[in-house]
Amino acid sequence: MATNQRPKPQLIQAGNQVPASPDLAALCLDLWTLKCDIDSQQQELDAMKARVIELLDGEGTVFDEGTYRITVAPRSSVGIADAAELERRLGDRFADLVTRKVTVSPSKNLLAIFEDPSHPDYGRVQDCLIVNSSVVLSMRADVPKDAKTARAA
């Protein structure tokens, strides 16, 4: 009688794959289980909030003194659909009546200069750019290889 044994959790680090330690595997399983529980609860929460909004017809407060207060209120915001046209219509007043936000990021060409000490502009850009680094944890469902093959067929 064949047993249906699952493969042991694996660790991929620096290009090498090895079995994950039991402590790490247990922690990651607990993390994954919690994430799945939270995702499920978030769906339930979103549905309940939508139902309360519907029942309050988009506005109102329900409370249980000392326990909770749930308020539903309409909100709106105004944006500018056509800045060029608004500027034409307002003329000189435009600058006083709007807030400009500009995002500037390096192009591939500027990154190439930044990374090449032999480039003539290298020294001019070094103090103007910053390298940000971070560590990211991402979670998603892992589909077993057998399931991927079956889905592709």
N, C-alpha and C. Protein backbone atom coordinates (compact mmCIF):
# COMPACT_ATOMS: atom_id res chain seq x y z
N MET A 1 0.86 -1.17 0.00
CA MET A 1 0.00 0.00 0.00
C MET A 1 0.90 1.23 0.00
N ALA A 2 0.74 2.08 -1.00
CA ALA A 2 1.57 3.28 -1.14
C ALA A 2 1.05 4.39 -0.24
N THR A 3 1.98 5.08 0.39
CA THR A 3 1.59 6.22 1.23
C THR A 3 1.70 7.49 0.40
N ASN A 4 0.82 8.39 0.67
CA ASN A 4 0.81 9.66 -0.03
C ASN A 4 1.63 10.67 0.76
N GLN A 5 2.96 10.61 0.63
CA GLN A 5 3.84 11.48 1.40
C GLN A 5 4.08 12.77 0.62
N ARG A 6 3.95 13.87 1.34
CA ARG A 6 4.24 15.17 0.73
C ARG A 6 5.74 15.40 0.76
N PRO A 7 6.26 16.11 -0.24
CA PRO A 7 7.69 16.44 -0.20
C PRO A 7 7.97 17.39 0.97
N LYS A 8 9.16 17.31 1.50
CA LYS A 8 9.54 18.18 2.63
C LYS A 8 9.73 19.60 2.12
N PRO A 9 9.41 20.60 2.95
CA PRO A 9 9.61 22.00 2.56
C PRO A 9 11.07 22.26 2.20
N GLN A 10 11.26 23.07 1.18
CA GLN A 10 12.58 23.37 0.68
C GLN A 10 12.93 24.85 0.89
N LEU A 11 14.20 25.14 0.97
CA LEU A 11 14.72 26.49 1.10
C LEU A 11 15.59 26.75 -0.13
N ILE A 12 15.30 27.85 -0.84
CA ILE A 12 16.15 28.27 -1.95
C ILE A 12 16.81 29.57 -1.50
N GLN A 13 18.13 29.55 -1.47
CA GLN A 13 18.87 30.71 -1.01
C GLN A 13 20.20 30.75 -1.74
N ALA A 14 20.52 31.91 -2.31
CA ALA A 14 21.77 32.09 -3.05
C ALA A 14 21.91 31.04 -4.15
N GLY A 15 20.79 30.69 -4.79
CA GLY A 15 20.83 29.74 -5.90
C GLY A 15 20.89 28.28 -5.50
N ASN A 16 20.93 27.99 -4.22
CA ASN A 16 21.00 26.61 -3.76
C ASN A 16 19.67 26.19 -3.13
N GLN A 17 19.27 24.95 -3.40
CA GLN A 17 18.05 24.42 -2.81
C GLN A 17 18.41 23.30 -1.85
N VAL A 18 17.93 23.47 -0.61
CA VAL A 18 18.18 22.48 0.44
C VAL A 18 16.89 22.30 1.24
N PRO A 19 16.79 21.21 2.01
CA PRO A 19 15.60 21.07 2.86
C PRO A 19 15.56 22.21 3.89
N ALA A 20 14.38 22.76 4.11
CA ALA A 20 14.21 23.80 5.14
C ALA A 20 14.26 23.16 6.51
N SER A 21 14.79 23.89 7.47
CA SER A 21 14.83 23.36 8.83
C SER A 21 13.40 23.19 9.33
N PRO A 22 13.16 22.24 10.23
CA PRO A 22 11.81 22.03 10.74
C PRO A 22 11.22 23.29 11.38
N ASP A 23 12.05 24.07 12.11
CA ASP A 23 11.54 25.30 12.74
C ASP A 23 11.11 26.31 11.70
N LEU A 24 11.93 26.50 10.65
CA LEU A 24 11.59 27.44 9.59
C LEU A 24 10.35 26.98 8.84
N ALA A 25 10.28 25.70 8.55
CA ALA A 25 9.12 25.14 7.83
C ALA A 25 7.84 25.33 8.65
N ALA A 26 7.92 25.10 9.96
CA ALA A 26 6.74 25.26 10.82
C ALA A 26 6.32 26.72 10.89
N LEU A 27 7.30 27.63 11.02
CA LEU A 27 6.99 29.06 11.06
C LEU A 27 6.34 29.51 9.76
N CYS A 28 6.88 29.08 8.63
CA CYS A 28 6.32 29.47 7.32
C CYS A 28 4.92 28.89 7.12
N LEU A 29 4.68 27.68 7.59
CA LEU A 29 3.34 27.10 7.49
C LEU A 29 2.36 27.90 8.35
N ASP A 30 2.78 28.27 9.56
CA ASP A 30 1.91 29.10 10.42
C ASP A 30 1.64 30.45 9.76
N LEU A 31 2.66 31.05 9.15
CA LEU A 31 2.51 32.33 8.47
C LEU A 31 1.53 32.20 7.31
N TRP A 32 1.69 31.15 6.51
CA TRP A 32 0.81 30.93 5.36
C TRP A 32 -0.64 30.71 5.83
N THR A 33 -0.82 29.92 6.87
CA THR A 33 -2.16 29.65 7.40
C THR A 33 -2.81 30.93 7.89
N LEU A 34 -2.06 31.75 8.61
CA LEU A 34 -2.57 33.03 9.09
C LEU A 34 -2.95 33.94 7.94
N LYS A 35 -2.10 34.01 6.91
CA LYS A 35 -2.39 34.84 5.73
C LYS A 35 -3.69 34.39 5.06
N CYS A 36 -3.85 33.09 4.91
CA CYS A 36 -5.08 32.57 4.29
C CYS A 36 -6.31 32.90 5.14
N ASP A 37 -6.17 32.77 6.47
CA ASP A 37 -7.27 33.13 7.37
C ASP A 37 -7.61 34.61 7.24
N ILE A 38 -6.59 35.46 7.20
CA ILE A 38 -6.82 36.92 7.07
C ILE A 38 -7.48 37.24 5.74
N ASP A 39 -7.02 36.63 4.64
CA ASP A 39 -7.63 36.87 3.33
C ASP A 39 -9.10 36.50 3.35
N SER A 40 -9.42 35.35 3.95
CA SER A 40 -10.80 34.90 4.04
C SER A 40 -11.62 35.87 4.89
N GLN A 41 -11.06 36.29 6.00
CA GLN A 41 -11.76 37.22 6.88
C GLN A 41 -11.94 38.58 6.20
N GLN A 42 -10.95 39.01 5.39
CA GLN A 42 -11.06 40.29 4.69
C GLN A 42 -12.23 40.26 3.72
N GLN A 43 -12.42 39.15 3.03
CA GLN A 43 -13.55 39.01 2.11
C GLN A 43 -14.87 39.11 2.89
N GLU A 44 -14.92 38.43 4.02
CA GLU A 44 -16.12 38.46 4.86
C GLU A 44 -16.36 39.88 5.39
N LEU A 45 -15.29 40.55 5.83
CA LEU A 45 -15.39 41.92 6.32
C LEU A 45 -15.90 42.86 5.24
N ASP A 46 -15.35 42.75 4.03
CA ASP A 46 -15.79 43.61 2.93
C ASP A 46 -17.27 43.41 2.62
N ALA A 47 -17.72 42.17 2.63
CA ALA A 47 -19.13 41.88 2.36
C ALA A 47 -20.03 42.45 3.46
N MET A 48 -19.59 42.33 4.71
CA MET A 48 -20.38 42.86 5.82
C MET A 48 -20.45 44.39 5.77
N LYS A 49 -19.33 45.03 5.44
CA LYS A 49 -19.32 46.49 5.33
C LYS A 49 -20.26 46.95 4.23
N ALA A 50 -20.23 46.27 3.10
CA ALA A 50 -21.12 46.62 1.99
C ALA A 50 -22.58 46.48 2.41
N ARG A 51 -22.89 45.45 3.18
CA ARG A 51 -24.27 45.24 3.64
C ARG A 51 -24.70 46.35 4.60
N VAL A 52 -23.80 46.77 5.51
CA VAL A 52 -24.13 47.87 6.43
C VAL A 52 -24.36 49.16 5.64
N ILE A 53 -23.50 49.45 4.66
CA ILE A 53 -23.68 50.64 3.83
C ILE A 53 -25.03 50.61 3.13
N GLU A 54 -25.38 49.45 2.62
CA GLU A 54 -26.67 49.28 1.95
C GLU A 54 -27.83 49.50 2.92
N LEU A 55 -27.74 48.89 4.11
CA LEU A 55 -28.82 49.01 5.09
C LEU A 55 -28.98 50.43 5.61
N LEU A 56 -27.88 51.18 5.67
CA LEU A 56 -27.95 52.57 6.14
C LEU A 56 -28.17 53.54 4.99
N ASP A 57 -28.39 53.01 3.80
CA ASP A 57 -28.65 53.83 2.62
C ASP A 57 -27.54 54.87 2.42
N GLY A 58 -26.30 54.45 2.70
CA GLY A 58 -25.15 55.30 2.44
C GLY A 58 -24.82 56.34 3.48
N GLU A 59 -25.58 56.41 4.58
CA GLU A 59 -25.28 57.42 5.60
C GLU A 59 -25.93 57.06 6.92
N GLY A 60 -25.18 57.22 8.01
CA GLY A 60 -25.72 56.98 9.34
C GLY A 60 -24.68 56.40 10.28
N THR A 61 -25.06 56.28 11.54
CA THR A 61 -24.17 55.72 12.56
C THR A 61 -24.94 54.70 13.38
N VAL A 62 -24.30 53.59 13.63
CA VAL A 62 -24.85 52.57 14.51
C VAL A 62 -23.82 52.41 15.63
N PHE A 63 -24.29 52.40 16.88
CA PHE A 63 -23.33 52.22 17.95
C PHE A 63 -23.94 51.45 19.10
N ASP A 64 -23.07 50.82 19.85
CA ASP A 64 -23.41 50.14 21.08
C ASP A 64 -22.48 50.78 22.09
N GLU A 65 -23.02 51.64 22.93
CA GLU A 65 -22.20 52.45 23.82
C GLU A 65 -21.17 51.61 24.57
N GLY A 66 -19.93 52.05 24.46
CA GLY A 66 -18.83 51.36 25.13
C GLY A 66 -18.30 50.17 24.35
N THR A 67 -18.93 49.83 23.24
CA THR A 67 -18.48 48.68 22.48
C THR A 67 -18.03 49.06 21.07
N TYR A 68 -18.92 49.67 20.29
CA TYR A 68 -18.55 50.02 18.92
C TYR A 68 -19.37 51.20 18.44
N ARG A 69 -18.85 51.83 17.40
CA ARG A 69 -19.55 52.90 16.68
C ARG A 69 -19.15 52.73 15.22
N ILE A 70 -20.14 52.51 14.42
CA ILE A 70 -19.91 52.34 12.98
C ILE A 70 -20.61 53.48 12.27
N THR A 71 -19.83 54.28 11.56
CA THR A 71 -20.38 55.44 10.87
C THR A 71 -20.19 55.27 9.38
N VAL A 72 -21.24 55.55 8.66
CA VAL A 72 -21.20 55.54 7.19
C VAL A 72 -21.50 56.96 6.75
N ALA A 73 -20.61 57.52 5.97
CA ALA A 73 -20.79 58.89 5.51
C ALA A 73 -20.32 59.00 4.07
N PRO A 74 -21.04 59.78 3.27
CA PRO A 74 -20.59 59.97 1.89
C PRO A 74 -19.31 60.81 1.86
N ARG A 75 -18.44 60.50 0.95
CA ARG A 75 -17.20 61.26 0.78
C ARG A 75 -17.03 61.52 -0.71
N SER A 76 -16.40 62.65 -1.00
CA SER A 76 -16.10 62.94 -2.40
C SER A 76 -14.81 63.74 -2.45
N SER A 77 -14.20 63.73 -3.58
CA SER A 77 -13.00 64.53 -3.79
C SER A 77 -13.07 65.11 -5.19
N VAL A 78 -12.34 66.18 -5.40
CA VAL A 78 -12.35 66.85 -6.69
C VAL A 78 -10.95 66.81 -7.26
N GLY A 79 -10.84 66.41 -8.48
CA GLY A 79 -9.56 66.40 -9.18
C GLY A 79 -9.66 67.27 -10.42
N ILE A 80 -8.56 67.47 -11.07
CA ILE A 80 -8.52 68.27 -12.29
C ILE A 80 -8.47 67.32 -13.47
N ALA A 81 -9.47 67.42 -14.33
CA ALA A 81 -9.56 66.53 -15.48
C ALA A 81 -8.67 67.00 -16.63
N ASP A 82 -8.56 68.30 -16.82
CA ASP A 82 -7.79 68.84 -17.94
C ASP A 82 -7.04 70.07 -17.45
N ALA A 83 -5.81 69.85 -16.97
CA ALA A 83 -5.02 70.94 -16.38
C ALA A 83 -4.70 72.03 -17.40
N ALA A 84 -4.40 71.65 -18.63
CA ALA A 84 -4.06 72.65 -19.65
C ALA A 84 -5.24 73.57 -19.92
N GLU A 85 -6.43 73.01 -20.03
CA GLU A 85 -7.62 73.83 -20.28
C GLU A 85 -7.94 74.72 -19.09
N LEU A 86 -7.81 74.18 -17.88
CA LEU A 86 -8.05 74.97 -16.68
C LEU A 86 -7.05 76.12 -16.60
N GLU A 87 -5.80 75.85 -16.94
CA GLU A 87 -4.78 76.91 -16.92
C GLU A 87 -5.11 77.98 -17.95
N ARG A 88 -5.58 77.58 -19.13
CA ARG A 88 -5.97 78.55 -20.17
C ARG A 88 -7.09 79.44 -19.67
N ARG A 89 -8.07 78.84 -18.99
CA ARG A 89 -9.24 79.60 -18.52
C ARG A 89 -8.90 80.52 -17.34
N LEU A 90 -8.01 80.06 -16.46
CA LEU A 90 -7.69 80.85 -15.27
C LEU A 90 -6.56 81.85 -15.50
N GLY A 91 -5.76 81.62 -16.51
CA GLY A 91 -4.65 82.53 -16.79
C GLY A 91 -3.69 82.63 -15.63
N ASP A 92 -3.37 83.88 -15.23
CA ASP A 92 -2.39 84.13 -14.16
C ASP A 92 -2.82 83.57 -12.81
N ARG A 93 -4.09 83.37 -12.61
CA ARG A 93 -4.59 82.86 -11.32
C ARG A 93 -4.31 81.38 -11.13
N PHE A 94 -4.03 80.66 -12.22
CA PHE A 94 -3.85 79.21 -12.17
C PHE A 94 -2.81 78.81 -11.12
N ALA A 95 -1.65 79.45 -11.14
CA ALA A 95 -0.56 79.09 -10.22
C ALA A 95 -0.96 79.26 -8.76
N ASP A 96 -1.81 80.24 -8.47
CA ASP A 96 -2.26 80.46 -7.09
C ASP A 96 -3.35 79.50 -6.65
N LEU A 97 -4.03 78.90 -7.61
CA LEU A 97 -5.21 78.10 -7.28
C LEU A 97 -5.00 76.59 -7.37
N VAL A 98 -3.83 76.16 -7.78
CA VAL A 98 -3.58 74.72 -7.88
C VAL A 98 -2.29 74.37 -7.14
N THR A 99 -2.16 73.13 -6.82
CA THR A 99 -0.93 72.61 -6.24
C THR A 99 -0.33 71.66 -7.26
N ARG A 100 0.91 71.90 -7.57
CA ARG A 100 1.60 71.02 -8.53
C ARG A 100 2.46 70.03 -7.76
N LYS A 101 2.39 68.77 -8.16
CA LYS A 101 3.24 67.73 -7.59
C LYS A 101 3.98 67.09 -8.75
N VAL A 102 5.27 67.00 -8.64
CA VAL A 102 6.07 66.43 -9.71
C VAL A 102 6.85 65.24 -9.16
N THR A 103 6.84 64.15 -9.89
CA THR A 103 7.63 62.99 -9.54
C THR A 103 8.72 62.86 -10.60
N VAL A 104 9.94 62.80 -10.14
CA VAL A 104 11.07 62.68 -11.05
C VAL A 104 11.81 61.40 -10.72
N SER A 105 12.07 60.58 -11.72
CA SER A 105 12.81 59.35 -11.49
C SER A 105 13.85 59.18 -12.60
N PRO A 106 14.94 58.45 -12.31
CA PRO A 106 16.01 58.31 -13.30
C PRO A 106 15.60 57.43 -14.47
N SER A 107 16.04 57.82 -15.66
CA SER A 107 15.81 57.00 -16.86
C SER A 107 16.87 55.90 -16.92
N LYS A 108 16.71 54.99 -17.86
CA LYS A 108 17.71 53.93 -18.04
C LYS A 108 19.06 54.54 -18.41
N ASN A 109 19.04 55.61 -19.20
CA ASN A 109 20.30 56.26 -19.59
C ASN A 109 21.00 56.87 -18.39
N LEU A 110 20.24 57.53 -17.49
CA LEU A 110 20.85 58.11 -16.30
C LEU A 110 21.39 57.02 -15.38
N LEU A 111 20.67 55.91 -15.25
CA LEU A 111 21.16 54.79 -14.45
C LEU A 111 22.45 54.23 -15.02
N ALA A 112 22.56 54.20 -16.34
CA ALA A 112 23.78 53.70 -16.98
C ALA A 112 24.95 54.62 -16.63
N ILE A 113 24.73 55.92 -16.64
CA ILE A 113 25.77 56.88 -16.27
C ILE A 113 26.16 56.67 -14.81
N PHE A 114 25.17 56.54 -13.95
CA PHE A 114 25.37 56.36 -12.50
C PHE A 114 26.19 55.13 -12.19
N GLU A 115 26.05 54.09 -13.01
CA GLU A 115 26.73 52.82 -12.77
C GLU A 115 28.06 52.69 -13.51
N ASP A 116 28.43 53.68 -14.31
CA ASP A 116 29.65 53.59 -15.11
C ASP A 116 30.66 54.66 -14.71
N PRO A 117 31.64 54.32 -13.85
CA PRO A 117 32.62 55.31 -13.40
C PRO A 117 33.44 55.93 -14.54
N SER A 118 33.49 55.28 -15.69
CA SER A 118 34.27 55.83 -16.81
C SER A 118 33.48 56.84 -17.65
N HIS A 119 32.19 56.95 -17.39
CA HIS A 119 31.36 57.90 -18.15
C HIS A 119 31.74 59.33 -17.77
N PRO A 120 31.81 60.25 -18.75
CA PRO A 120 32.21 61.63 -18.44
C PRO A 120 31.29 62.34 -17.43
N ASP A 121 30.03 61.97 -17.37
CA ASP A 121 29.09 62.62 -16.44
C ASP A 121 28.96 61.90 -15.11
N TYR A 122 29.71 60.83 -14.91
CA TYR A 122 29.61 60.02 -13.69
C TYR A 122 29.71 60.89 -12.43
N GLY A 123 30.74 61.70 -12.34
CA GLY A 123 30.97 62.51 -11.15
C GLY A 123 29.87 63.54 -10.91
N ARG A 124 29.24 64.03 -11.97
CA ARG A 124 28.19 65.05 -11.84
C ARG A 124 26.90 64.48 -11.28
N VAL A 125 26.65 63.17 -11.45
CA VAL A 125 25.36 62.60 -11.01
C VAL A 125 25.45 61.83 -9.71
N GLN A 126 26.65 61.45 -9.27
CA GLN A 126 26.79 60.59 -8.10
C GLN A 126 26.11 61.15 -6.85
N ASP A 127 26.28 62.44 -6.57
CA ASP A 127 25.70 63.03 -5.37
C ASP A 127 24.22 63.35 -5.51
N CYS A 128 23.69 63.20 -6.70
CA CYS A 128 22.29 63.57 -6.94
C CYS A 128 21.34 62.37 -6.91
N LEU A 129 21.90 61.17 -6.87
CA LEU A 129 21.05 59.97 -6.87
C LEU A 129 21.29 59.19 -5.59
N ILE A 130 20.30 58.43 -5.20
CA ILE A 130 20.40 57.61 -4.00
C ILE A 130 19.91 56.20 -4.33
N VAL A 131 20.53 55.23 -3.74
CA VAL A 131 20.11 53.84 -3.92
C VAL A 131 19.34 53.42 -2.68
N ASN A 132 18.10 53.01 -2.87
CA ASN A 132 17.28 52.52 -1.77
C ASN A 132 17.24 51.00 -1.84
N SER A 133 17.41 50.36 -0.71
CA SER A 133 17.35 48.90 -0.66
C SER A 133 16.35 48.47 0.39
N SER A 134 15.71 47.35 0.16
CA SER A 134 14.77 46.81 1.13
C SER A 134 14.69 45.30 0.96
N VAL A 135 14.07 44.67 1.94
CA VAL A 135 13.81 43.24 1.88
C VAL A 135 12.30 43.08 1.84
N VAL A 136 11.81 42.31 0.89
CA VAL A 136 10.38 42.16 0.69
C VAL A 136 9.97 40.72 0.96
N LEU A 137 8.89 40.53 1.71
CA LEU A 137 8.31 39.22 1.93
C LEU A 137 7.03 39.18 1.11
N SER A 138 6.90 38.23 0.21
CA SER A 138 5.67 38.11 -0.57
C SER A 138 5.07 36.73 -0.33
N MET A 139 3.76 36.66 -0.45
CA MET A 139 3.07 35.39 -0.24
C MET A 139 2.10 35.15 -1.39
N ARG A 140 2.00 33.93 -1.79
CA ARG A 140 1.03 33.52 -2.80
C ARG A 140 0.86 32.02 -2.67
N ALA A 141 -0.16 31.52 -3.27
CA ALA A 141 -0.39 30.06 -3.23
C ALA A 141 0.63 29.40 -4.13
N ASP A 142 1.17 28.30 -3.67
CA ASP A 142 2.09 27.51 -4.49
C ASP A 142 1.29 26.38 -5.12
N VAL A 143 1.37 26.31 -6.44
CA VAL A 143 0.64 25.27 -7.16
C VAL A 143 1.59 24.09 -7.37
N PRO A 144 1.25 22.88 -6.91
CA PRO A 144 2.10 21.73 -7.12
C PRO A 144 2.38 21.51 -8.59
N LYS A 145 3.57 20.99 -8.92
CA LYS A 145 3.94 20.79 -10.32
C LYS A 145 2.93 19.93 -11.06
N ASP A 146 2.38 18.92 -10.39
CA ASP A 146 1.39 18.06 -11.02
C ASP A 146 0.16 18.86 -11.44
N ALA A 147 -0.26 19.78 -10.61
CA ALA A 147 -1.43 20.60 -10.90
C ALA A 147 -1.16 21.55 -12.06
N LYS A 148 0.07 22.09 -12.13
CA LYS A 148 0.44 22.98 -13.24
C LYS A 148 0.38 22.23 -14.55
N THR A 149 0.90 21.01 -14.58
CA THR A 149 0.92 20.19 -15.79
C THR A 149 -0.52 19.86 -16.20
N ALA A 150 -1.36 19.51 -15.24
CA ALA A 150 -2.75 19.15 -15.54
C ALA A 150 -3.50 20.35 -16.07
N ARG A 151 -3.22 21.54 -15.53
CA ARG A 151 -3.92 22.75 -15.96
C ARG A 151 -3.52 23.14 -17.38
N ALA A 152 -2.26 22.90 -17.74
CA ALA A 152 -1.75 23.27 -19.06
C ALA A 152 -2.31 22.36 -20.15
N ALA A 153 -2.69 21.15 -19.78
CA ALA A 153 -3.18 20.18 -20.77
C ALA A 153 -4.57 20.47 -21.23
